[in-house]
Amino acid sequence: EKNLEKVKQNPTLSLYQTLESFGRKPISCEEILIVDSPTHEESDLLKMPENVPVARITRKTFDASSKLVEYCLLTSRTDLYQFVYRFTL
């Protein structure tokens, strides 16, 4: 509860620092990205021009014991964002 009060007072706090304060240290992330046509509701909420696809991202973050510590569903306009991914081969 104390940590949530800190977030309310300072919404720029890092999500990962907050997770660490709960004893959950995220070390890996998996994302699924699907590009698709927006729904009418998404077009209205995102104030999008016609014919602009959205990127739907499902993000899962895990700690060292492979336990899920974060699950996010994100929707982004593809005309405003650049998605950068990096991984080791």
C-alpha atoms as a PDB file:
ATOM      1  CA  GLU A   1       0.000   0.000   0.000  1.00  0.00           C
ATOM      2  CA  LYS A   2       2.880   2.380   0.827  1.00  0.00           C
ATOM      3  CA  ASN A   3       4.463   1.726  -2.567  1.00  0.00           C
ATOM      4  CA  LEU A   4       1.205   2.412  -4.377  1.00  0.00           C
ATOM      5  CA  GLU A   5       0.919   5.742  -2.559  1.00  0.00           C
ATOM      6  CA  LYS A   6       4.407   6.636  -3.847  1.00  0.00           C
ATOM      7  CA  VAL A   7       3.284   5.845  -7.400  1.00  0.00           C
ATOM      8  CA  LYS A   8       0.182   8.019  -7.005  1.00  0.00           C
ATOM      9  CA  GLN A   9       2.367  10.900  -5.793  1.00  0.00           C
ATOM     10  CA  ASN A  10       4.994  10.375  -8.513  1.00  0.00           C
ATOM     11  CA  PRO A  11       3.602   8.596 -11.615  1.00  0.00           C
ATOM     12  CA  THR A  12       7.047   8.720 -13.257  1.00  0.00           C
ATOM     13  CA  LEU A  13       8.406   6.058 -10.897  1.00  0.00           C
ATOM     14  CA  SER A  14       9.892   3.071 -12.685  1.00  0.00           C
ATOM     15  CA  LEU A  15       7.661   0.022 -12.913  1.00  0.00           C
ATOM     16  CA  TYR A  16      10.681  -2.245 -12.552  1.00  0.00           C
ATOM     17  CA  GLN A  17      11.952  -0.429  -9.448  1.00  0.00           C
ATOM     18  CA  THR A  18       8.476  -0.784  -7.960  1.00  0.00           C
ATOM     19  CA  LEU A  19       8.469  -4.529  -8.734  1.00  0.00           C
ATOM     20  CA  GLU A  20      11.907  -4.850  -7.135  1.00  0.00           C
ATOM     21  CA  SER A  21      10.607  -3.117  -3.998  1.00  0.00           C
ATOM     22  CA  PHE A  22       8.109  -6.004  -3.741  1.00  0.00           C
ATOM     23  CA  GLY A  23      11.009  -8.477  -3.990  1.00  0.00           C
ATOM     24  CA  ARG A  24      10.302  -9.363  -7.634  1.00  0.00           C
ATOM     25  CA  LYS A  25      13.275  -8.620  -9.863  1.00  0.00           C
ATOM     26  CA  PRO A  26      12.334  -8.896 -13.541  1.00  0.00           C
ATOM     27  CA  ILE A  27      15.138 -10.333 -15.668  1.00  0.00           C
ATOM     28  CA  SER A  28      13.508 -11.381 -18.948  1.00  0.00           C
ATOM     29  CA  CYS A  29      10.743 -10.172 -21.185  1.00  0.00           C
ATOM     30  CA  GLU A  30       8.675 -11.818 -23.912  1.00  0.00           C
ATOM     31  CA  GLU A  31       6.591  -9.780 -26.333  1.00  0.00           C
ATOM     32  CA  ILE A  32       4.130 -10.831 -28.981  1.00  0.00           C
ATOM     33  CA  LEU A  33       3.433  -8.111 -31.545  1.00  0.00           C
ATOM     34  CA  ILE A  34       0.507  -8.328 -33.963  1.00  0.00           C
ATOM     35  CA  VAL A  35      -0.213  -5.607 -36.511  1.00  0.00           C
ATOM     36  CA  ASP A  36      -3.892  -5.378 -37.380  1.00  0.00           C
ATOM     37  CA  SER A  37      -6.682  -3.009 -38.345  1.00  0.00           C
ATOM     38  CA  PRO A  38      -7.986  -1.014 -35.390  1.00  0.00           C
ATOM     39  CA  THR A  39     -11.451  -1.437 -33.988  1.00  0.00           C
ATOM     40  CA  HIS A  40     -13.767   1.574 -34.177  1.00  0.00           C
ATOM     41  CA  GLU A  41     -13.244   2.143 -30.449  1.00  0.00           C
ATOM     42  CA  GLU A  42      -9.424   2.086 -30.838  1.00  0.00           C
ATOM     43  CA  SER A  43      -9.619   4.531 -33.755  1.00  0.00           C
ATOM     44  CA  ASP A  44     -11.704   6.904 -31.658  1.00  0.00           C
ATOM     45  CA  LEU A  45      -9.589   6.596 -28.490  1.00  0.00           C
ATOM     46  CA  LEU A  46      -6.280   6.970 -30.338  1.00  0.00           C
ATOM     47  CA  LYS A  47      -7.644   9.737 -32.627  1.00  0.00           C
ATOM     48  CA  MET A  48      -6.328   7.865 -35.651  1.00  0.00           C
ATOM     49  CA  PRO A  49      -6.713   8.697 -39.322  1.00  0.00           C
ATOM     50  CA  GLU A  50      -8.332   6.038 -41.483  1.00  0.00           C
ATOM     51  CA  ASN A  51      -6.302   3.090 -42.808  1.00  0.00           C
ATOM     52  CA  VAL A  52      -3.598   3.233 -40.114  1.00  0.00           C
ATOM     53  CA  PRO A  53      -2.941  -0.167 -38.514  1.00  0.00           C
ATOM     54  CA  VAL A  54      -2.325  -0.652 -34.808  1.00  0.00           C
ATOM     55  CA  ALA A  55       0.284  -2.804 -33.092  1.00  0.00           C
ATOM     56  CA  ARG A  56      -1.157  -4.987 -30.357  1.00  0.00           C
ATOM     57  CA  ILE A  57       1.601  -6.031 -27.978  1.00  0.00           C
ATOM     58  CA  THR A  58       1.322  -8.637 -25.257  1.00  0.00           C
ATOM     59  CA  ARG A  59       4.255  -8.206 -22.847  1.00  0.00           C
ATOM     60  CA  LYS A  60       5.194 -10.777 -20.212  1.00  0.00           C
ATOM     61  CA  THR A  61       8.081 -10.117 -17.831  1.00  0.00           C
ATOM     62  CA  PHE A  62       9.583 -12.886 -15.703  1.00  0.00           C
ATOM     63  CA  ASP A  63      11.874 -13.093 -12.674  1.00  0.00           C
ATOM     64  CA  ALA A  64      14.891 -15.413 -12.243  1.00  0.00           C
ATOM     65  CA  SER A  65      12.658 -18.342 -11.232  1.00  0.00           C
ATOM     66  CA  SER A  66      10.553 -17.871 -14.402  1.00  0.00           C
ATOM     67  CA  LYS A  67       7.581 -16.507 -12.430  1.00  0.00           C
ATOM     68  CA  LEU A  68       5.448 -13.931 -14.189  1.00  0.00           C
ATOM     69  CA  VAL A  69       5.897 -10.482 -12.610  1.00  0.00           C
ATOM     70  CA  GLU A  70       4.257  -8.296 -15.255  1.00  0.00           C
ATOM     71  CA  TYR A  71       1.564  -8.839 -17.879  1.00  0.00           C
ATOM     72  CA  CYS A  72       0.679  -5.910 -20.134  1.00  0.00           C
ATOM     73  CA  LEU A  73      -1.655  -5.545 -23.076  1.00  0.00           C
ATOM     74  CA  LEU A  74      -0.597  -2.541 -25.152  1.00  0.00           C
ATOM     75  CA  THR A  75      -2.085  -0.982 -28.273  1.00  0.00           C
ATOM     76  CA  SER A  76      -0.031   1.530 -30.252  1.00  0.00           C
ATOM     77  CA  ARG A  77      -0.492   3.467 -33.446  1.00  0.00           C
ATOM     78  CA  THR A  78       1.942   2.243 -36.080  1.00  0.00           C
ATOM     79  CA  ASP A  79       2.247   5.669 -37.684  1.00  0.00           C
ATOM     80  CA  LEU A  80       3.699   7.284 -34.540  1.00  0.00           C
ATOM     81  CA  TYR A  81       5.945   4.665 -32.955  1.00  0.00           C
ATOM     82  CA  GLN A  82       9.117   2.835 -33.872  1.00  0.00           C
ATOM     83  CA  PHE A  83       9.465  -0.606 -32.311  1.00  0.00           C
ATOM     84  CA  VAL A  84      13.069  -1.598 -31.568  1.00  0.00           C
ATOM     85  CA  TYR A  85      14.013  -5.124 -30.523  1.00  0.00           C
ATOM     86  CA  ARG A  86      17.410  -6.475 -29.563  1.00  0.00           C
ATOM     87  CA  PHE A  87      18.399 -10.030 -28.718  1.00  0.00           C
ATOM     88  CA  THR A  88      21.479 -12.216 -28.512  1.00  0.00           C
ATOM     89  CA  LEU A  89      22.045 -14.982 -31.031  1.00  0.00           C
END
